[in-house]
């Protein structure tokens, strides 16, 4: 998946689930994310890129918030297909 698409779709899921960026960042760190808050905030706001591994870690963190109910949208990974 192209970086811009992943970023936009992830931001959409964050908005739909009303995930607080700081809470997301704290969870991202707890599951192995390596970046400071500002680069992650810029990424989720569509204002900056992240390395592939860190983008996917953000997606994992977002998807952890979307586990229940199962119909909720999921953030894509860098190797996801676009529809």
Foldseek 3Di string as FASTA:
>chain_A
DDQLVLLVQLLVLCVVLVPDLVNLVVQLVVVPADDDSVQSVCSSVVNHGDPLVNSVSSQVSSVVSVVPPPPRDGRDHPPDDDD
